[in-house]
Each structure stands twice: as C-alpha cells, then as structure tokens.
Protein backbone atom coordinates (compact mmCIF):
# COMPACT_ATOMS: atom_id res chain seq x y z
CA MET A 1 67.85 133.61 79.18
CA LYS A 2 69.51 132.95 82.21
CA THR A 3 70.19 136.64 82.88
CA LEU A 4 66.04 136.92 83.69
CA ASN A 5 66.49 134.44 86.22
CA ARG A 6 66.55 135.41 89.68
CA GLU A 7 69.93 135.09 91.70
CA ALA A 8 69.68 132.34 94.25
CA SER A 9 70.94 133.48 98.00
CA THR A 10 74.73 132.73 98.95
CA PRO A 11 76.73 133.78 102.34
CA ASN A 12 78.28 136.91 100.66
CA GLN A 13 74.70 138.07 99.81
CA LYS A 14 74.68 140.64 102.42
CA HIS A 15 78.68 141.20 100.67
CA SER A 16 77.33 141.35 97.36
CA SER A 17 73.64 143.56 97.70
CA SER A 18 76.52 146.31 99.44
CA GLN A 19 78.39 146.12 96.21
CA GLU A 20 75.40 146.64 94.34
CA TRP A 21 74.69 149.38 95.74
CA ARG A 22 77.74 150.80 95.06
CA TRP A 23 77.54 150.21 91.52
CA LEU A 24 74.06 151.73 91.40
CA SER A 25 74.90 155.12 93.44
CA ALA A 26 78.03 155.69 91.04
CA ILE A 27 75.71 155.19 88.36
CA ILE A 28 72.97 157.59 89.41
CA VAL A 29 75.63 160.41 90.41
CA ALA A 30 77.26 159.34 86.46
CA GLY A 31 73.38 160.87 85.47
CA ILE A 32 73.12 163.56 87.74
CA LEU A 33 76.20 165.02 86.15
CA LEU A 34 75.39 164.49 82.61
CA ARG A 35 72.04 165.90 83.32
CA LEU A 36 73.99 169.02 85.10
CA ALA A 37 76.45 169.23 82.53
CA ALA A 38 73.80 169.57 79.56
CA ILE A 39 71.97 172.24 82.00
CA LEU A 40 74.65 174.29 82.12
CA VAL A 41 76.33 173.76 79.37
CA TYR A 42 73.38 173.89 76.45
CA PRO A 43 71.83 177.19 75.30
CA HIS A 44 67.85 177.16 74.85
CA ALA A 45 65.49 179.73 75.41
CA PRO A 46 61.77 178.12 76.24
CA GLU A 47 59.33 177.81 73.21
CA SER A 48 56.90 177.14 71.82
CA ASP A 49 54.50 174.10 74.42
CA GLU A 50 57.22 175.00 76.88
CA LEU A 51 56.22 178.25 77.03
CA ALA A 52 52.32 177.03 77.59
CA TYR A 53 53.78 174.83 80.25
CA LEU A 54 55.13 177.07 81.80
CA LYS A 55 52.30 180.19 82.13
CA MET A 56 50.29 177.45 83.51
CA ALA A 57 52.37 176.94 86.27
CA GLU A 58 52.70 180.87 86.60
CA ASP A 59 48.85 181.33 86.69
CA LEU A 60 48.35 178.92 88.89
CA VAL A 61 51.12 179.94 90.98
CA ALA A 62 49.40 183.79 90.89
CA GLY A 63 46.13 182.23 91.59
CA LYS A 64 44.68 182.53 88.08
CA THR A 65 42.90 180.05 86.98
CA MET A 66 45.28 178.11 84.06
CA ASN A 67 45.00 179.22 80.55
CA ALA A 68 47.60 178.78 78.00
CA GLY A 69 45.96 178.06 74.58
CA GLY A 70 42.49 177.01 76.44
CA TYR A 71 41.21 176.63 79.49
CA ALA A 72 42.60 172.66 79.44
CA PHE A 73 43.91 172.57 75.74
CA PHE A 74 47.45 171.16 77.45
CA ASN A 75 47.42 168.66 79.66
CA MET A 76 48.31 170.01 83.43
CA GLY A 77 50.05 167.45 85.15
CA TYR A 78 53.70 168.31 84.64
CA SER A 79 52.78 172.30 85.12
CA PHE A 80 51.27 171.54 88.18
CA PHE A 81 52.93 168.68 90.25
CA VAL A 82 56.08 169.81 88.66
CA LEU A 83 56.96 173.89 87.27
CA ALA A 84 54.70 175.24 89.86
CA PRO A 85 56.35 174.31 93.27
CA VAL A 86 59.39 175.56 92.14
CA LEU A 87 58.18 178.45 90.40
CA PHE A 88 56.79 179.45 94.33
CA LEU A 89 60.23 178.07 96.04
CA SER A 90 62.47 179.66 93.72
CA GLU A 91 61.19 182.70 92.41
CA HIS A 92 60.63 181.69 88.89
CA SER A 93 63.90 180.71 88.38
CA LEU A 94 64.77 178.75 84.76
CA LEU A 95 67.49 177.11 86.68
CA GLY A 96 64.84 176.04 89.18
CA LEU A 97 62.71 174.10 86.74
CA ARG A 98 65.71 172.17 84.93
CA LEU A 99 66.90 171.13 88.27
CA ALA A 100 63.61 169.74 88.92
CA ASN A 101 63.75 168.20 85.87
CA LEU A 102 67.01 166.69 86.93
CA VAL A 103 64.84 165.16 90.10
CA CYS A 104 62.65 163.51 87.59
CA GLY A 105 65.49 161.61 85.52
CA THR A 106 67.23 160.88 88.69
CA VAL A 107 64.15 159.30 89.69
CA SER A 108 64.45 157.62 86.53
CA ILE A 109 67.48 155.74 87.06
CA ALA A 110 66.21 153.70 90.67
CA LEU A 111 63.52 152.47 88.84
CA VAL A 112 64.76 152.04 85.38
CA TYR A 113 66.75 149.30 88.01
CA MET A 114 63.96 148.34 89.85
CA VAL A 115 61.89 147.37 86.65
CA ALA A 116 64.93 145.58 86.07
CA ARG A 117 65.14 143.08 88.84
CA GLU A 118 61.53 143.16 88.90
CA ALA A 119 61.41 141.95 85.57
CA GLY A 120 64.20 139.10 86.78
CA ALA A 121 66.88 140.63 85.67
CA ASN A 122 69.79 139.31 87.31
CA ARG A 123 73.01 141.49 88.90
CA ASN A 124 74.62 142.95 86.08
CA ALA A 125 71.68 142.94 83.16
CA ARG A 126 70.03 145.05 86.04
CA LEU A 127 72.43 147.45 86.80
CA LEU A 128 73.61 147.49 82.61
CA SER A 129 69.66 148.63 82.48
CA ALA A 130 70.42 151.48 85.07
CA ALA A 131 73.68 152.71 83.75
CA LEU A 132 72.36 152.64 79.55
CA TRP A 133 69.60 154.80 80.94
CA ALA A 134 72.03 157.13 83.15
CA LEU A 135 74.45 157.39 80.02
CA TYR A 136 71.10 157.85 77.16
CA LEU A 137 72.86 161.38 75.55
CA PRO A 138 69.40 162.58 74.75
CA CYS A 139 68.38 162.29 78.59
CA GLY A 140 70.74 165.17 79.64
CA VAL A 141 69.46 167.81 76.35
CA TYR A 142 66.16 166.86 77.07
CA GLY A 143 66.31 167.94 80.63
CA VAL A 144 66.93 171.03 79.18
CA TYR A 145 63.59 170.99 77.63
CA LEU A 146 60.24 172.52 80.14
CA ALA A 147 58.85 169.28 78.81
CA LYS A 148 55.95 166.78 80.26
CA GLU A 149 58.29 163.93 78.85
CA ASN A 150 60.47 164.57 81.92
CA PHE A 151 57.38 164.08 84.00
CA MET A 152 56.13 160.89 81.88
CA ILE A 153 58.74 159.28 82.17
CA PRO A 154 58.52 158.22 85.95
CA LEU A 155 55.13 158.10 85.75
CA MET A 156 55.63 155.21 83.20
CA LEU A 157 58.27 153.48 84.71
CA GLY A 158 56.56 153.60 88.06
CA ILE A 159 53.67 151.84 86.63
CA LEU A 160 55.45 149.12 84.48
CA TRP A 161 57.11 148.20 88.09
CA CYS A 162 53.87 147.77 89.36
CA ALA A 163 52.54 145.66 86.56
CA LEU A 164 55.56 143.64 86.65
CA ARG A 165 55.59 143.07 91.07
CA MET A 166 51.49 142.31 90.36
CA MET A 167 52.29 139.37 87.89
CA ARG A 168 54.11 137.47 90.51
CA THR A 169 51.93 138.39 94.10
CA PHE A 170 48.58 140.54 94.69
CA GLN A 171 49.09 142.86 96.64
CA LEU A 172 46.93 145.87 97.53
CA ARG A 173 48.69 148.92 97.79
CA ILE A 174 50.80 147.47 94.67
CA ALA A 175 47.11 148.11 93.05
CA VAL A 176 46.04 150.90 94.67
CA LEU A 177 50.03 152.76 93.72
CA CYS A 178 49.12 151.79 90.12
CA GLY A 179 45.31 153.42 89.88
CA GLY A 180 47.04 156.58 91.42
CA LEU A 181 50.08 156.28 88.95
CA PHE A 182 47.36 156.08 86.02
CA GLY A 183 45.64 159.06 87.35
CA LEU A 184 48.71 161.47 87.73
CA LEU A 185 49.74 160.47 83.93
CA ALA A 186 46.02 161.02 82.73
CA LEU A 187 46.48 164.25 84.08
CA THR A 188 49.85 164.51 82.50
CA GLY A 189 50.16 162.40 78.45
CA ASN A 190 47.41 160.70 76.98
CA ALA A 191 49.77 158.52 75.39
CA ALA A 192 51.05 156.69 78.03
CA LEU A 193 47.60 155.57 79.28
CA SER A 194 48.57 153.01 76.55
CA LEU A 195 50.69 151.32 79.07
CA ALA A 196 46.80 149.87 80.48
CA GLY A 197 47.73 147.19 77.58
CA ALA A 198 50.84 146.44 79.68
CA VAL A 199 49.06 145.87 82.70
CA GLY A 200 46.92 143.94 81.26
CA VAL A 201 48.78 141.42 80.15
CA ALA A 202 50.57 141.34 83.67
CA LEU A 203 46.92 140.54 85.05
CA LEU A 204 46.53 137.47 82.12
CA VAL A 205 50.29 135.67 82.83
CA SER A 206 49.63 136.48 87.03
CA LYS A 207 49.90 133.72 89.04
CA CYS A 208 47.74 135.04 90.94
CA ALA A 209 43.91 133.84 91.37
CA LEU A 210 41.47 134.90 88.82
CA ARG A 211 38.60 136.71 90.92
CA ILE A 212 41.96 138.57 92.65
CA ARG A 213 43.38 139.17 89.06
CA ILE A 214 39.73 140.57 88.13
CA LEU A 215 39.44 143.03 91.30
CA SER A 216 42.20 144.54 90.89
CA VAL A 217 41.09 146.11 87.39
CA PRO A 218 38.29 148.46 89.48
CA ILE A 219 40.52 149.03 92.54
CA MET A 220 42.66 150.83 89.84
CA LEU A 221 40.52 152.66 87.52
CA VAL A 222 38.25 153.91 90.66
CA VAL A 223 42.06 154.70 92.65
CA ALA A 224 42.91 156.57 89.33
CA ILE A 225 39.33 158.84 88.46
CA LEU A 226 39.24 159.18 92.19
CA VAL A 227 43.54 161.20 91.34
CA ALA A 228 42.04 162.59 88.20
CA SER A 229 38.16 163.62 89.10
CA PRO A 230 39.20 167.25 90.47
CA TRP A 231 40.36 168.21 87.40
CA LEU A 232 37.67 166.84 85.72
CA VAL A 233 35.29 168.16 88.04
CA ARG A 234 37.32 171.67 87.50
CA ASN A 235 36.50 171.49 83.30
CA ALA A 236 33.01 170.31 83.90
CA THR A 237 32.66 173.38 85.39
CA LEU A 238 34.46 175.93 83.77
CA LEU A 239 33.81 173.92 79.96
CA GLY A 240 30.84 171.98 80.50
CA ALA A 241 32.16 168.22 80.07
CA PRO A 242 34.71 166.64 82.34
CA VAL A 243 37.22 166.37 79.69
CA LEU A 244 41.00 165.83 80.26
CA ASN A 245 41.98 168.61 77.91
CA THR A 246 40.69 169.51 74.78
CA ASN A 247 43.74 169.03 71.67
CA GLY A 248 42.77 165.08 71.58
CA GLY A 249 40.76 166.05 68.04
CA PHE A 250 43.13 168.65 67.33
CA ASN A 251 46.24 166.42 67.16
CA LEU A 252 43.81 164.10 65.21
CA TYR A 253 43.19 165.54 62.88
CA LEU A 254 47.65 167.30 62.62
CA GLY A 255 48.20 163.46 61.63
CA ASN A 256 45.02 162.57 59.56
CA ASN A 257 44.44 165.48 56.52
CA PRO A 258 44.81 166.18 53.59
CA ALA A 259 48.35 167.45 54.67
CA ALA A 260 49.51 165.70 56.98
CA ASP A 261 52.75 163.90 56.45
CA GLY A 262 53.51 162.11 59.59
CA MET A 263 55.29 164.71 61.91
CA PHE A 264 54.00 167.57 63.47
CA VAL A 265 52.34 169.68 60.61
CA SER A 266 50.62 173.35 62.18
CA ILE A 267 47.08 173.80 61.85
CA ALA A 268 47.58 176.85 59.64
CA LYS A 269 49.54 174.54 56.77
CA THR A 270 45.91 171.88 57.54
CA PRO A 271 42.93 172.63 55.32
CA ARG A 272 41.19 173.63 58.79
CA GLY A 273 43.61 176.62 59.17
CA PRO A 274 42.13 179.43 57.72
CA THR A 275 39.32 179.13 59.76
CA TRP A 276 40.72 177.00 63.30
CA HIS A 277 40.73 180.30 65.24
CA ALA A 278 36.89 181.51 64.12
CA LEU A 279 35.99 177.67 64.65
CA ARG A 280 36.94 177.82 68.60
CA GLU A 281 35.69 181.65 69.16
CA GLU A 282 32.28 180.43 67.81
CA VAL A 283 32.03 176.44 69.45
CA GLY A 284 34.43 177.09 72.14
CA GLU A 285 37.18 174.81 72.81
CA VAL A 286 36.02 171.40 73.92
CA GLN A 287 33.51 171.46 70.57
CA ALA A 288 36.26 172.15 68.32
CA SER A 289 38.47 169.39 68.96
CA GLU A 290 35.49 167.37 68.89
CA THR A 291 34.87 169.40 65.10
CA LEU A 292 38.61 168.23 64.57
CA LYS A 293 38.06 165.11 65.71
CA HIS A 294 35.29 164.13 63.71
CA GLU A 295 36.96 165.28 60.13
CA ALA A 296 39.97 163.20 60.65
CA LEU A 297 37.65 160.75 61.04
CA ALA A 298 36.45 161.67 58.17
CA TRP A 299 39.54 161.24 56.10
CA ILE A 300 40.22 158.00 57.97
CA LYS A 301 37.32 156.70 56.36
CA SER A 302 37.72 157.59 52.89
CA HIS A 303 41.00 157.46 52.35
CA PRO A 304 42.00 153.69 54.50
CA GLY A 305 44.82 152.99 51.72
CA GLU A 306 46.61 156.77 52.41
CA PHE A 307 45.62 156.40 55.89
CA PHE A 308 47.36 153.01 56.12
CA ALA A 309 50.59 154.01 54.82
CA LEU A 310 50.41 156.86 56.52
CA SER A 311 51.04 155.12 59.90
CA VAL A 312 53.40 152.87 59.16
CA LYS A 313 55.55 155.99 57.68
CA LYS A 314 54.99 157.19 60.87
CA LEU A 315 56.00 153.96 62.17
CA GLY A 316 59.59 154.47 60.54
CA LEU A 317 59.23 158.21 61.74
CA PHE A 318 59.10 157.45 65.38
CA TRP A 319 61.63 154.47 65.58
CA MET A 320 63.87 156.06 62.98
CA PRO A 321 67.67 156.35 64.51
CA PRO A 322 69.26 159.94 65.25
CA ILE A 323 69.97 161.13 61.56
CA HIS A 324 68.08 164.01 61.16
CA ASN A 325 69.61 167.31 62.36
CA GLY A 326 68.51 170.13 64.47
CA ARG A 327 67.76 173.18 63.03
CA ASP A 328 71.12 173.81 61.85
CA ALA A 329 73.84 171.27 60.20
CA PRO A 330 75.39 170.34 63.71
CA VAL A 331 79.36 171.17 64.02
CA GLY A 332 82.12 170.89 66.54
CA ALA A 333 80.79 169.24 69.48
CA GLU A 334 77.32 168.81 68.44
CA LYS A 335 78.41 166.53 65.69
CA LEU A 336 80.26 164.36 68.00
CA VAL A 337 77.47 164.62 70.63
CA ARG A 338 74.86 163.08 68.16
CA LEU A 339 77.06 160.63 66.69
CA VAL A 340 77.59 158.97 69.96
CA TRP A 341 73.69 159.35 69.55
CA LEU A 342 73.63 157.42 67.13
CA ILE A 343 75.59 154.79 68.09
CA GLU A 344 73.74 154.46 71.33
CA TYR A 345 70.57 154.05 70.10
CA ALA A 346 71.56 151.63 67.28
CA VAL A 347 73.08 149.35 70.00
CA LEU A 348 69.78 149.79 72.07
CA VAL A 349 67.72 149.16 69.25
CA CYS A 350 69.47 145.93 67.61
CA ALA A 351 69.93 144.58 71.34
CA ALA A 352 66.19 144.92 72.42
CA VAL A 353 64.77 143.77 69.19
CA ALA A 354 67.25 140.06 69.68
CA THR A 355 64.31 139.45 73.09
CA LEU A 356 61.91 139.04 70.94
CA PRO A 357 62.43 135.16 70.36
CA TYR A 358 62.35 134.99 74.41
CA VAL A 359 58.77 136.71 74.91
CA ARG A 360 56.55 133.70 74.48
CA SER A 361 59.05 131.55 77.48
CA ARG A 362 59.68 135.13 79.45
CA PRO A 363 56.55 136.60 80.44
CA SER A 364 58.07 139.74 81.54
CA LEU A 365 59.51 140.33 78.31
CA ALA A 366 55.72 140.37 77.35
CA VAL A 367 54.80 143.16 79.40
CA LEU A 368 57.78 145.18 78.53
CA TRP A 369 57.17 144.77 74.56
CA THR A 370 53.47 144.98 75.07
CA ALA A 371 54.56 148.63 76.21
CA VAL A 372 56.63 149.28 73.38
CA ALA A 373 54.10 148.29 70.81
CA LEU A 374 51.51 149.53 72.03
CA TYR A 375 52.80 153.00 72.69
CA SER A 376 53.94 153.05 69.37
CA ALA A 377 50.81 152.20 68.22
CA VAL A 378 49.02 155.24 69.65
CA HIS A 379 52.21 157.54 67.78
CA MET A 380 50.89 155.78 64.33
CA LEU A 381 47.44 157.15 64.84
CA PHE A 382 48.81 161.16 65.82
CA TYR A 383 52.06 162.22 63.97
CA VAL A 384 55.34 162.14 65.29
CA ILE A 385 58.15 164.80 67.24
CA PHE A 386 61.30 163.08 67.91
CA ARG A 387 60.45 163.92 71.74
CA TYR A 388 57.95 161.88 71.90
CA ARG A 389 60.33 158.62 71.77
CA GLU A 390 61.80 159.63 74.85
CA PRO A 391 59.46 158.02 77.12
CA ILE A 392 59.55 154.29 75.94
CA MET A 393 63.31 154.55 75.81
CA PRO A 394 64.08 153.18 79.33
CA VAL A 395 62.16 150.23 78.38
CA VAL A 396 63.99 149.48 75.45
CA CYS A 397 67.10 150.07 77.83
CA VAL A 398 66.43 148.10 80.18
CA LEU A 399 65.29 144.51 77.32
CA ALA A 400 68.75 145.83 75.37
CA ALA A 401 70.50 144.83 79.02
CA VAL A 402 69.09 141.84 79.33
CA MET A 403 70.69 140.64 75.60
CA LEU A 404 74.03 142.74 76.41
CA GLU A 405 74.60 141.05 79.31
CA GLN A 406 73.61 137.78 78.07
CA ALA A 407 76.34 138.25 75.35
CA ALA A 408 78.90 139.23 77.56
CA VAL A 409 78.66 136.10 79.23
CA ALA A 410 78.51 133.87 75.78
CA VAL A 411 82.05 135.78 75.09
CA ALA A 412 83.12 135.41 78.12
CA ARG A 413 82.11 131.37 78.31
CA PHE A 414 83.92 131.75 74.54
CA ALA A 415 87.17 133.05 75.59
CA ARG A 416 87.25 130.91 78.19
CA GLN A 417 86.83 127.31 76.29
CA ARG A 418 88.92 128.88 73.66
CA ALA A 419 91.81 129.14 76.41
CA HIS A 420 91.21 125.80 78.08
CA VAL A 421 92.12 124.05 74.63
CA SER A 422 94.74 126.67 74.23
C-alpha cells in the first residue's frame, strides 16, 4: 500500500508543505463550522449523566466536595479539566460549556491528521483522514452533549500518536507524554484504557532496542499513576479505597444479569433494582459496586452460553449502522441528517475493513486495529450506548482514508490507461 509510504523529499517540498497546511486549516475551519452549527441549531437540555458531570463541576467551582451519585461514582476528568474551568470563567454559561466541547473537537481534528501522518499515510490520505472526521455528522451533535466522550477523544488520539511515534523511535518525552495521557484517561473514561494494548503492540514491533522498549513501560506507568494519584488519595481518604470510580461493578452488572439485553438497562429493571439504594446506604458506594461485580461474575459463571451470546450481540449493537431512531421518529431535516450519517458510517466502516489484509505487512495498521478491537471488546463485556462508539471512530476515519486514497489512485490509473488505449 503506497499510501502508507512516507513521501520522498523533493525540490517543491516546502511549497507542498505550505499547501498541505492550507488544506488542513480549511478542513479544521469546516469542522468548527459543523460543530458550531450543531450547537446553535440543535435544541437539547442536559439530562441524565450530563447533569451529573455538570453538578460535579459546579461543586468544584463552589469549593464543595464533588458529589454526583456518590463521592466517586462518575469519572471526574471531564468535569474537572473541561467543565469546571469554563464554569469558573463564563459564569455558568451552557453555551460556554459547549464551546469547550468545540475546542476539544477542533483539537481532535488536528490529532487525527497527526495520527495518520505518524502512521505513515501520505499527504492525501492524512488530509482525507482529518476531513472525514471533521465532517462526520455525529461529531457536531455529540458536541452539544455535556458528555465525557468529548474529552476522551483527544486523549485517545494523543495516546495513539505516542504509540506510533514510539514504534519508530524512542524519546523519553514521548513516553512521559503517553503516561500523562493515560493518567488523564484513567480519570476520564476507563474503557479507553484498553489502548494500553495498542501501545503494547507498538512496542513489540518497534525498531528500538529491547531494553529501551522494556524501560518505557515503567516510565509510562509511573507517570500515569502520578497524574491519577491525587484523585486516588482523595478517594482513599473519603471512601477508604484508592479507586478511580465506583461504577465498575455497577456497569458490569447492568450488562450481565437476567434482565440484560446488550443495551443500557436501568438498575430499576434488574433483579437488584428494589434493593439497590438500600444496599448503597448500608455498605457504601465502594462495597455496593463490589457486591454488584460479584453478582455479575456469578451470573456469567452460571450462564456461560448466555454470556457468550450476549457478548456477540453487544458487538453487533456496538457496530450497528445508525438505522435506529432517536426518541421520536425523525422528520424533515433530522431525517436527512440521519440518512447522510448512515451513508458516512457505511463508507467509513467498509473502507476501514478493507485494510485488514494489509495488517500483517503494515505495523501501523496493526496498532490502529488493536485499538479498535480492544475498545470494542470492552463494550462486549459491559453494555452498549451508541454514543460510546464515537471515541474510536477517528481511528476508523484514519483506516478508511488510507484505503479510500488508495482506491482513488487505482481509479485514476485505470482511467489514464483507458484514455491511453483510446
């Protein structure tokens, strides 16, 4: 796949680089406009988890203990690093919070380009990667939500950039950066810690000396722990356990109980529902989560066949095309938006899957596909909400761009040959 070969230096390289930056700037502006249009046009009032993240940020700004659903039930990263600073500076402006999401989205577009470049994609493919992500319609819609995925995406892309860089050469600052990003990710979204597998693959295929690759692991681990340690100490003091959050067992149970169907199911609709709040009052949020974890594992052990079938169903739901409706049947403009989204999604996934035959010969593709596979596997164990797929879609955009650019080259070559024959 020549698309993944780095371009050779030419006399026109400086001009080409300048032109590339102009194209990237235009792509970023287009992405900003899409996200801004969604913010201005899409009517949405924060609800459910959004209100929890908002309350945690409000508590922090007010100097109170962050407490939404418990002292550490929700991950704190998004509230602490994104929402709270904006609330402090903008006097609790909802528009300001959404503009912070827009900033995260803008950074993500640039990072998609950087990941594609680090993966060895040529100019057209890396620009196409950024364009695909900039113009992917759910990016705009989900930027309206006060959801942690907005912050997870740039963190995940940053880690993948570090992994691809370490695959080629070792730099201490890159290992430190990667560890710091993992620390932030641990505070923001646990599912994305599965990217450790992608970093592992990058180190396995790296051209660096073995001792350097081995050394990088404790460096990243120590830095990640240092970043997360203040929160761990806080929770050890308040809750008696150095946990990142107290929803792990809860979420595992929601995805693995007699009422589970693969999607999110309210705790009230599960066998534990009638006694859940009493249990938390009695044993505390840490032990309550542990109790649910053990009940989920007990169900899995006693129903291995159902667990396997449910896991496969979750994988299907996780990657299901967007053919579902929202709360109401789509009408007018929403119907058109959903149709465009469906077309975008189908093209991206099909093109990305077409890169699978090249994974063995292209280590960078192996790193990216490991990220996709392990992130998907996490949701096979828990449960699916369609929003949870969005953090891995930038990686799909990079994979798709590589194949689409290659297909475009092949079509152009075929057209030239036909023209020459004629």
